[in-house]
Full PDB file with SEQRES, HELIX, SHEET, SSBOND, CRYST1, ORIGX, SCALE, CONECT and MASTER records, all heavy atoms in Angstrom:
SEQRES   1 A   33  SER LYS LYS ASN VAL ILE GLY GLU PRO ASN GLY ASP THR          
SEQRES   2 A   33  GLU TRP PHE ALA LYS ASN LEU GLY PHE THR GLN LEU GLY          
SEQRES   3 A   33  GLU ASN HIS SER GLU VAL LEU                                  
HELIX    1 AA1 PHE A   16  LEU A   20  1                                   5    
CRYST1    1.000    1.000    1.000  90.00  90.00  90.00 P 1           1          
ORIGX1      1.000000  0.000000  0.000000        0.00000                         
ORIGX2      0.000000  1.000000  0.000000        0.00000                         
ORIGX3      0.000000  0.000000  1.000000        0.00000                         
SCALE1      1.000000  0.000000  0.000000        0.00000                         
SCALE2      0.000000  1.000000  0.000000        0.00000                         
SCALE3      0.000000  0.000000  1.000000        0.00000                         
ATOM      1  N   SER A   1     -31.870  91.588  28.460  1.00  0.00           N  
ATOM      2  CA  SER A   1     -30.557  91.044  28.229  1.00  0.00           C  
ATOM      3  C   SER A   1     -29.746  91.074  29.537  1.00  0.00           C  
ATOM      4  O   SER A   1     -29.663  92.073  30.233  1.00  0.00           O  
ATOM      5  CB  SER A   1     -29.796  91.939  27.172  1.00  0.00           C  
ATOM      6  OG  SER A   1     -28.458  91.538  27.090  1.00  0.00           O  
ATOM      7  N   LYS A   2     -29.076  89.965  29.850  1.00  0.00           N  
ATOM      8  CA  LYS A   2     -28.277  89.892  31.034  1.00  0.00           C  
ATOM      9  C   LYS A   2     -26.801  90.119  30.754  1.00  0.00           C  
ATOM     10  O   LYS A   2     -25.939  89.899  31.570  1.00  0.00           O  
ATOM     11  CB  LYS A   2     -28.482  88.491  31.722  1.00  0.00           C  
ATOM     12  CG  LYS A   2     -29.872  88.348  32.298  1.00  0.00           C  
ATOM     13  CD  LYS A   2     -29.981  87.071  33.076  1.00  0.00           C  
ATOM     14  CE  LYS A   2     -31.381  86.915  33.664  1.00  0.00           C  
ATOM     15  NZ  LYS A   2     -31.579  85.727  34.447  1.00  0.00           N  
ATOM     16  N   LYS A   3     -26.526  90.575  29.506  1.00  0.00           N  
ATOM     17  CA  LYS A   3     -25.141  90.873  29.145  1.00  0.00           C  
ATOM     18  C   LYS A   3     -24.675  92.116  29.937  1.00  0.00           C  
ATOM     19  O   LYS A   3     -25.535  92.958  30.347  1.00  0.00           O  
ATOM     20  CB  LYS A   3     -25.042  91.185  27.668  1.00  0.00           C  
ATOM     21  CG  LYS A   3     -25.179  89.994  26.770  1.00  0.00           C  
ATOM     22  CD  LYS A   3     -25.273  90.378  25.294  1.00  0.00           C  
ATOM     23  CE  LYS A   3     -24.013  91.076  24.796  1.00  0.00           C  
ATOM     24  NZ  LYS A   3     -24.119  91.373  23.348  1.00  0.00           N  
ATOM     25  N   ASN A   4     -23.373  92.232  30.141  1.00  0.00           N  
ATOM     26  CA  ASN A   4     -22.824  93.454  30.660  1.00  0.00           C  
ATOM     27  C   ASN A   4     -22.499  94.353  29.486  1.00  0.00           C  
ATOM     28  O   ASN A   4     -22.700  93.973  28.331  1.00  0.00           O  
ATOM     29  CB  ASN A   4     -21.556  93.190  31.509  1.00  0.00           C  
ATOM     30  CG  ASN A   4     -21.374  94.169  32.645  1.00  0.00           C  
ATOM     31  OD1 ASN A   4     -21.773  95.344  32.570  1.00  0.00           O  
ATOM     32  ND2 ASN A   4     -20.781  93.730  33.735  1.00  0.00           N  
ATOM     33  N   VAL A   5     -21.979  95.540  29.737  1.00  0.00           N  
ATOM     34  CA  VAL A   5     -21.473  96.417  28.655  1.00  0.00           C  
ATOM     35  C   VAL A   5     -19.997  96.492  28.755  1.00  0.00           C  
ATOM     36  O   VAL A   5     -19.397  96.075  29.766  1.00  0.00           O  
ATOM     37  CB  VAL A   5     -22.133  97.791  28.700  1.00  0.00           C  
ATOM     38  CG1 VAL A   5     -23.605  97.721  28.502  1.00  0.00           C  
ATOM     39  CG2 VAL A   5     -21.835  98.476  30.024  1.00  0.00           C  
ATOM     40  N   ILE A   6     -19.349  96.964  27.721  1.00  0.00           N  
ATOM     41  CA  ILE A   6     -17.883  97.104  27.770  1.00  0.00           C  
ATOM     42  C   ILE A   6     -17.491  98.158  28.841  1.00  0.00           C  
ATOM     43  O   ILE A   6     -18.244  99.071  29.159  1.00  0.00           O  
ATOM     44  CB  ILE A   6     -17.309  97.533  26.397  1.00  0.00           C  
ATOM     45  CG1 ILE A   6     -18.048  98.735  25.850  1.00  0.00           C  
ATOM     46  CG2 ILE A   6     -17.392  96.337  25.431  1.00  0.00           C  
ATOM     47  CD1 ILE A   6     -17.509  99.200  24.474  1.00  0.00           C  
ATOM     48  N   GLY A   7     -16.284  97.922  29.375  1.00  0.00           N  
ATOM     49  CA  GLY A   7     -15.915  98.704  30.580  1.00  0.00           C  
ATOM     50  C   GLY A   7     -16.440  97.980  31.815  1.00  0.00           C  
ATOM     51  O   GLY A   7     -16.998  96.909  31.730  1.00  0.00           O  
ATOM     52  N   GLU A   8     -16.340  98.689  32.943  1.00  0.00           N  
ATOM     53  CA  GLU A   8     -16.886  98.094  34.183  1.00  0.00           C  
ATOM     54  C   GLU A   8     -17.706  99.167  34.960  1.00  0.00           C  
ATOM     55  O   GLU A   8     -17.344  99.520  36.055  1.00  0.00           O  
ATOM     56  CB  GLU A   8     -15.762  97.592  35.072  1.00  0.00           C  
ATOM     57  CG  GLU A   8     -15.063  96.386  34.499  1.00  0.00           C  
ATOM     58  CD  GLU A   8     -14.090  95.750  35.471  1.00  0.00           C  
ATOM     59  OE1 GLU A   8     -13.831  96.356  36.532  1.00  0.00           O  
ATOM     60  OE2 GLU A   8     -13.582  94.680  35.213  1.00  0.00           O  
ATOM     61  N   PRO A   9     -18.756  99.656  34.355  1.00  0.00           N  
ATOM     62  CA  PRO A   9     -19.529 100.762  35.018  1.00  0.00           C  
ATOM     63  C   PRO A   9     -20.215 100.293  36.308  1.00  0.00           C  
ATOM     64  O   PRO A   9     -20.426 101.123  37.181  1.00  0.00           O  
ATOM     65  CB  PRO A   9     -20.564 101.157  33.955  1.00  0.00           C  
ATOM     66  CG  PRO A   9     -20.688  99.928  33.089  1.00  0.00           C  
ATOM     67  CD  PRO A   9     -19.330  99.341  33.027  1.00  0.00           C  
ATOM     68  N   ASN A  10     -20.501  99.056  36.378  1.00  0.00           N  
ATOM     69  CA  ASN A  10     -21.155  98.549  37.608  1.00  0.00           C  
ATOM     70  C   ASN A  10     -20.425  97.371  38.210  1.00  0.00           C  
ATOM     71  O   ASN A  10     -21.021  96.521  38.904  1.00  0.00           O  
ATOM     72  CB  ASN A  10     -22.617  98.189  37.297  1.00  0.00           C  
ATOM     73  CG  ASN A  10     -23.510  98.432  38.486  1.00  0.00           C  
ATOM     74  OD1 ASN A  10     -23.335  99.346  39.229  1.00  0.00           O  
ATOM     75  ND2 ASN A  10     -24.516  97.602  38.665  1.00  0.00           N  
ATOM     76  N   GLY A  11     -19.124  97.255  37.865  1.00  0.00           N  
ATOM     77  CA  GLY A  11     -18.344  96.165  38.412  1.00  0.00           C  
ATOM     78  C   GLY A  11     -18.813  94.821  37.855  1.00  0.00           C  
ATOM     79  O   GLY A  11     -19.297  94.716  36.749  1.00  0.00           O  
ATOM     80  N   ASP A  12     -18.633  93.777  38.640  1.00  0.00           N  
ATOM     81  CA  ASP A  12     -18.977  92.416  38.266  1.00  0.00           C  
ATOM     82  C   ASP A  12     -20.452  92.210  38.641  1.00  0.00           C  
ATOM     83  O   ASP A  12     -20.772  92.108  39.841  1.00  0.00           O  
ATOM     84  CB  ASP A  12     -18.053  91.416  38.933  1.00  0.00           C  
ATOM     85  CG  ASP A  12     -18.325  89.980  38.524  1.00  0.00           C  
ATOM     86  OD1 ASP A  12     -18.950  89.822  37.492  1.00  0.00           O  
ATOM     87  OD2 ASP A  12     -17.959  89.054  39.286  1.00  0.00           O  
ATOM     88  N   THR A  13     -21.327  92.127  37.662  1.00  0.00           N  
ATOM     89  CA  THR A  13     -22.759  92.012  37.919  1.00  0.00           C  
ATOM     90  C   THR A  13     -23.373  90.955  37.096  1.00  0.00           C  
ATOM     91  O   THR A  13     -22.981  90.733  35.931  1.00  0.00           O  
ATOM     92  CB  THR A  13     -23.441  93.397  37.689  1.00  0.00           C  
ATOM     93  OG1 THR A  13     -24.881  93.191  37.906  1.00  0.00           O  
ATOM     94  CG2 THR A  13     -23.246  93.913  36.289  1.00  0.00           C  
ATOM     95  N   GLU A  14     -24.414  90.250  37.644  1.00  0.00           N  
ATOM     96  CA  GLU A  14     -25.064  89.174  36.907  1.00  0.00           C  
ATOM     97  C   GLU A  14     -26.079  89.722  35.935  1.00  0.00           C  
ATOM     98  O   GLU A  14     -26.441  89.047  34.936  1.00  0.00           O  
ATOM     99  CB  GLU A  14     -25.713  88.198  37.874  1.00  0.00           C  
ATOM    100  CG  GLU A  14     -24.714  87.439  38.706  1.00  0.00           C  
ATOM    101  CD  GLU A  14     -25.417  86.401  39.623  1.00  0.00           C  
ATOM    102  OE1 GLU A  14     -26.648  86.301  39.577  1.00  0.00           O  
ATOM    103  OE2 GLU A  14     -24.678  85.723  40.364  1.00  0.00           O  
ATOM    104  N   TRP A  15     -26.680  90.899  36.244  1.00  0.00           N  
ATOM    105  CA  TRP A  15     -27.721  91.419  35.386  1.00  0.00           C  
ATOM    106  C   TRP A  15     -27.654  92.971  35.467  1.00  0.00           C  
ATOM    107  O   TRP A  15     -28.286  93.594  36.275  1.00  0.00           O  
ATOM    108  CB  TRP A  15     -29.124  90.914  35.838  1.00  0.00           C  
ATOM    109  CG  TRP A  15     -30.193  91.148  34.848  1.00  0.00           C  
ATOM    110  CD1 TRP A  15     -30.220  91.956  33.779  1.00  0.00           C  
ATOM    111  CD2 TRP A  15     -31.525  90.495  34.935  1.00  0.00           C  
ATOM    112  NE1 TRP A  15     -31.423  91.908  33.134  1.00  0.00           N  
ATOM    113  CE2 TRP A  15     -32.241  91.027  33.770  1.00  0.00           C  
ATOM    114  CE3 TRP A  15     -32.100  89.574  35.751  1.00  0.00           C  
ATOM    115  CZ2 TRP A  15     -33.524  90.638  33.550  1.00  0.00           C  
ATOM    116  CZ3 TRP A  15     -33.426  89.221  35.508  1.00  0.00           C  
ATOM    117  CH2 TRP A  15     -34.109  89.690  34.405  1.00  0.00           C  
ATOM    118  N   PHE A  16     -26.848  93.511  34.567  1.00  0.00           N  
ATOM    119  CA  PHE A  16     -26.530  94.957  34.604  1.00  0.00           C  
ATOM    120  C   PHE A  16     -27.767  95.803  34.507  1.00  0.00           C  
ATOM    121  O   PHE A  16     -27.981  96.692  35.360  1.00  0.00           O  
ATOM    122  CB  PHE A  16     -25.633  95.223  33.394  1.00  0.00           C  
ATOM    123  CG  PHE A  16     -25.206  96.659  33.207  1.00  0.00           C  
ATOM    124  CD1 PHE A  16     -24.491  97.313  34.236  1.00  0.00           C  
ATOM    125  CD2 PHE A  16     -25.531  97.380  32.091  1.00  0.00           C  
ATOM    126  CE1 PHE A  16     -24.121  98.661  34.056  1.00  0.00           C  
ATOM    127  CE2 PHE A  16     -25.128  98.682  31.883  1.00  0.00           C  
ATOM    128  CZ  PHE A  16     -24.438  99.311  32.912  1.00  0.00           C  
ATOM    129  N   ALA A  17     -28.695  95.542  33.533  1.00  0.00           N  
ATOM    130  CA  ALA A  17     -29.807  96.380  33.333  1.00  0.00           C  
ATOM    131  C   ALA A  17     -30.792  96.341  34.523  1.00  0.00           C  
ATOM    132  O   ALA A  17     -31.384  97.352  34.890  1.00  0.00           O  
ATOM    133  CB  ALA A  17     -30.564  96.004  32.060  1.00  0.00           C  
ATOM    134  N   LYS A  18     -30.906  95.172  35.154  1.00  0.00           N  
ATOM    135  CA  LYS A  18     -31.761  95.038  36.287  1.00  0.00           C  
ATOM    136  C   LYS A  18     -31.215  95.831  37.486  1.00  0.00           C  
ATOM    137  O   LYS A  18     -31.954  96.585  38.193  1.00  0.00           O  
ATOM    138  CB  LYS A  18     -31.898  93.552  36.703  1.00  0.00           C  
ATOM    139  CG  LYS A  18     -32.830  93.375  37.894  1.00  0.00           C  
ATOM    140  CD  LYS A  18     -33.007  91.857  38.257  1.00  0.00           C  
ATOM    141  CE  LYS A  18     -33.958  91.690  39.404  1.00  0.00           C  
ATOM    142  NZ  LYS A  18     -34.117  90.231  39.750  1.00  0.00           N  
ATOM    143  N   ASN A  19     -29.890  95.790  37.693  1.00  0.00           N  
ATOM    144  CA  ASN A  19     -29.264  96.531  38.747  1.00  0.00           C  
ATOM    145  C   ASN A  19     -29.469  98.053  38.637  1.00  0.00           C  
ATOM    146  O   ASN A  19     -29.480  98.770  39.613  1.00  0.00           O  
ATOM    147  CB  ASN A  19     -27.753  96.253  38.788  1.00  0.00           C  
ATOM    148  CG  ASN A  19     -27.439  94.869  39.349  1.00  0.00           C  
ATOM    149  OD1 ASN A  19     -28.355  94.161  39.739  1.00  0.00           O  
ATOM    150  ND2 ASN A  19     -26.191  94.484  39.347  1.00  0.00           N  
ATOM    151  N   LEU A  20     -29.611  98.502  37.388  1.00  0.00           N  
ATOM    152  CA  LEU A  20     -29.803  99.921  37.152  1.00  0.00           C  
ATOM    153  C   LEU A  20     -31.201 100.390  37.219  1.00  0.00           C  
ATOM    154  O   LEU A  20     -31.521 101.563  37.171  1.00  0.00           O  
ATOM    155  CB  LEU A  20     -29.183 100.310  35.790  1.00  0.00           C  
ATOM    156  CG  LEU A  20     -27.642 100.161  35.623  1.00  0.00           C  
ATOM    157  CD1 LEU A  20     -27.236 100.710  34.281  1.00  0.00           C  
ATOM    158  CD2 LEU A  20     -26.929 100.882  36.694  1.00  0.00           C  
ATOM    159  N   GLY A  21     -32.113  99.413  37.264  1.00  0.00           N  
ATOM    160  CA  GLY A  21     -33.535  99.838  37.387  1.00  0.00           C  
ATOM    161  C   GLY A  21     -34.354  99.785  36.109  1.00  0.00           C  
ATOM    162  O   GLY A  21     -35.559 100.139  36.146  1.00  0.00           O  
ATOM    163  N   PHE A  22     -33.743  99.265  35.037  1.00  0.00           N  
ATOM    164  CA  PHE A  22     -34.459  99.299  33.762  1.00  0.00           C  
ATOM    165  C   PHE A  22     -35.388  98.112  33.555  1.00  0.00           C  
ATOM    166  O   PHE A  22     -35.976  97.932  32.435  1.00  0.00           O  
ATOM    167  CB  PHE A  22     -33.446  99.404  32.622  1.00  0.00           C  
ATOM    168  CG  PHE A  22     -32.746 100.761  32.577  1.00  0.00           C  
ATOM    169  CD1 PHE A  22     -31.475 100.915  32.947  1.00  0.00           C  
ATOM    170  CD2 PHE A  22     -33.493 101.888  32.271  1.00  0.00           C  
ATOM    171  CE1 PHE A  22     -30.841 102.131  32.939  1.00  0.00           C  
ATOM    172  CE2 PHE A  22     -32.882 103.151  32.323  1.00  0.00           C  
ATOM    173  CZ  PHE A  22     -31.515 103.288  32.655  1.00  0.00           C  
ATOM    174  N   THR A  23     -35.522  97.213  34.542  1.00  0.00           N  
ATOM    175  CA  THR A  23     -36.496  96.144  34.458  1.00  0.00           C  
ATOM    176  C   THR A  23     -37.681  96.470  35.365  1.00  0.00           C  
ATOM    177  O   THR A  23     -38.584  95.628  35.468  1.00  0.00           O  
ATOM    178  CB  THR A  23     -35.917  94.773  34.881  1.00  0.00           C  
ATOM    179  OG1 THR A  23     -35.415  94.921  36.250  1.00  0.00           O  
ATOM    180  CG2 THR A  23     -34.702  94.417  33.990  1.00  0.00           C  
ATOM    181  N   GLN A  24     -37.709  97.617  35.940  1.00  0.00           N  
ATOM    182  CA  GLN A  24     -38.825  97.976  36.883  1.00  0.00           C  
ATOM    183  C   GLN A  24     -39.261  99.394  36.639  1.00  0.00           C  
ATOM    184  O   GLN A  24     -39.470 100.181  37.616  1.00  0.00           O  
ATOM    185  CB  GLN A  24     -38.403  97.714  38.285  1.00  0.00           C  
ATOM    186  CG  GLN A  24     -37.148  98.445  38.727  1.00  0.00           C  
ATOM    187  CD  GLN A  24     -36.877  98.316  40.232  1.00  0.00           C  
ATOM    188  OE1 GLN A  24     -36.897  97.173  40.746  1.00  0.00           O  
ATOM    189  NE2 GLN A  24     -36.624  99.397  40.910  1.00  0.00           N  
ATOM    190  N   LEU A  25     -39.416  99.783  35.421  1.00  0.00           N  
ATOM    191  CA  LEU A  25     -39.870 101.153  35.062  1.00  0.00           C  
ATOM    192  C   LEU A  25     -41.441 101.228  35.280  1.00  0.00           C  
ATOM    193  O   LEU A  25     -42.095 100.210  35.450  1.00  0.00           O  
ATOM    194  CB  LEU A  25     -39.583 101.498  33.632  1.00  0.00           C  
ATOM    195  CG  LEU A  25     -38.081 101.512  33.250  1.00  0.00           C  
ATOM    196  CD1 LEU A  25     -37.902 101.668  31.762  1.00  0.00           C  
ATOM    197  CD2 LEU A  25     -37.383 102.659  33.990  1.00  0.00           C  
ATOM    198  N   GLY A  26     -41.944 102.449  35.267  1.00  0.00           N  
ATOM    199  CA  GLY A  26     -43.400 102.659  35.286  1.00  0.00           C  
ATOM    200  C   GLY A  26     -43.919 102.796  36.678  1.00  0.00           C  
ATOM    201  O   GLY A  26     -43.227 102.646  37.696  1.00  0.00           O  
ATOM    202  N   GLU A  27     -45.197 103.123  36.757  1.00  0.00           N  
ATOM    203  CA  GLU A  27     -45.842 103.413  38.044  1.00  0.00           C  
ATOM    204  C   GLU A  27     -45.870 102.227  38.955  1.00  0.00           C  
ATOM    205  O   GLU A  27     -45.786 102.342  40.201  1.00  0.00           O  
ATOM    206  CB  GLU A  27     -47.273 103.887  37.774  1.00  0.00           C  
ATOM    207  CG  GLU A  27     -47.387 105.277  37.090  1.00  0.00           C  
ATOM    208  CD  GLU A  27     -46.730 106.334  37.924  1.00  0.00           C  
ATOM    209  OE1 GLU A  27     -46.891 106.387  39.181  1.00  0.00           O  
ATOM    210  OE2 GLU A  27     -46.043 107.204  37.342  1.00  0.00           O  
ATOM    211  N   ASN A  28     -45.972 101.015  38.410  1.00  0.00           N  
ATOM    212  CA  ASN A  28     -46.043  99.782  39.212  1.00  0.00           C  
ATOM    213  C   ASN A  28     -44.737  99.028  39.221  1.00  0.00           C  
ATOM    214  O   ASN A  28     -44.706  97.885  39.646  1.00  0.00           O  
ATOM    215  CB  ASN A  28     -47.171  98.864  38.645  1.00  0.00           C  
ATOM    216  CG  ASN A  28     -48.510  99.541  38.766  1.00  0.00           C  
ATOM    217  OD1 ASN A  28     -48.898 100.130  39.756  1.00  0.00           O  
ATOM    218  ND2 ASN A  28     -49.306  99.430  37.712  1.00  0.00           N  
ATOM    219  N   HIS A  29     -43.647  99.672  38.730  1.00  0.00           N  
ATOM    220  CA  HIS A  29     -42.334  99.055  38.707  1.00  0.00           C  
ATOM    221  C   HIS A  29     -42.334  97.713  37.936  1.00  0.00           C  
ATOM    222  O   HIS A  29     -41.657  96.803  38.306  1.00  0.00           O  
ATOM    223  CB  HIS A  29     -41.800  98.825  40.119  1.00  0.00           C  
ATOM    224  CG  HIS A  29     -41.883  99.999  40.997  1.00  0.00           C  
ATOM    225  ND1 HIS A  29     -41.163 101.181  40.761  1.00  0.00           N  
ATOM    226  CD2 HIS A  29     -42.606 100.264  42.093  1.00  0.00           C  
ATOM    227  CE1 HIS A  29     -41.421 102.044  41.711  1.00  0.00           C  
ATOM    228  NE2 HIS A  29     -42.299 101.506  42.520  1.00  0.00           N  
ATOM    229  N   SER A  30     -43.173  97.651  36.920  1.00  0.00           N  
ATOM    230  CA  SER A  30     -43.391  96.392  36.197  1.00  0.00           C  
ATOM    231  C   SER A  30     -43.011  96.426  34.724  1.00  0.00           C  
ATOM    232  O   SER A  30     -43.084  95.407  34.028  1.00  0.00           O  
ATOM    233  CB  SER A  30     -44.867  95.977  36.289  1.00  0.00           C  
ATOM    234  OG  SER A  30     -45.708  96.939  35.753  1.00  0.00           O  
ATOM    235  N   GLU A  31     -42.578  97.567  34.203  1.00  0.00           N  
ATOM    236  CA  GLU A  31     -42.230  97.688  32.809  1.00  0.00           C  
ATOM    237  C   GLU A  31     -40.770  97.538  32.578  1.00  0.00           C  
ATOM    238  O   GLU A  31     -39.937  98.049  33.318  1.00  0.00           O  
ATOM    239  CB  GLU A  31     -42.727  99.062  32.268  1.00  0.00           C  
ATOM    240  CG  GLU A  31     -44.260  99.235  32.387  1.00  0.00           C  
ATOM    241  CD  GLU A  31     -44.709 100.620  31.807  1.00  0.00           C  
ATOM    242  OE1 GLU A  31     -44.263 100.973  30.693  1.00  0.00           O  
ATOM    243  OE2 GLU A  31     -45.394 101.325  32.556  1.00  0.00           O  
ATOM    244  N   VAL A  32     -40.438  96.825  31.509  1.00  0.00           N  
ATOM    245  CA  VAL A  32     -39.017  96.543  31.151  1.00  0.00           C  
ATOM    246  C   VAL A  32     -38.697  97.354  29.915  1.00  0.00           C  
ATOM    247  O   VAL A  32     -39.479  97.411  28.979  1.00  0.00           O  
ATOM    248  CB  VAL A  32     -38.839  95.025  30.855  1.00  0.00           C  
ATOM    249  CG1 VAL A  32     -37.404  94.737  30.466  1.00  0.00           C  
ATOM    250  CG2 VAL A  32     -39.281  94.219  32.119  1.00  0.00           C  
ATOM    251  N   LEU A  33     -37.522  97.939  29.921  1.00  0.00           N  
ATOM    252  CA  LEU A  33     -37.056  98.760  28.798  1.00  0.00           C  
ATOM    253  C   LEU A  33     -36.883  97.866  27.573  1.00  0.00           C  
ATOM    254  O   LEU A  33     -36.091  96.929  27.614  1.00  0.00           O  
ATOM    255  CB  LEU A  33     -35.757  99.479  29.126  1.00  0.00           C  
ATOM    256  CG  LEU A  33     -35.139 100.303  27.988  1.00  0.00           C  
ATOM    257  CD1 LEU A  33     -36.016 101.526  27.688  1.00  0.00           C  
ATOM    258  CD2 LEU A  33     -33.734 100.739  28.312  1.00  0.00           C  
TER     259      LEU A  33                                                      
MASTER        0    0    0    1    0    0    0    6  258    1    0    3          
END                                                                             
């Protein structure tokens, strides 16, 4: 999901979850939450 969350925890961002690292989990940085 490229939605933001309420509030502004990461300012103005196009892809909140990606910026936080949740699209590159795992040993090979290839797993998405």
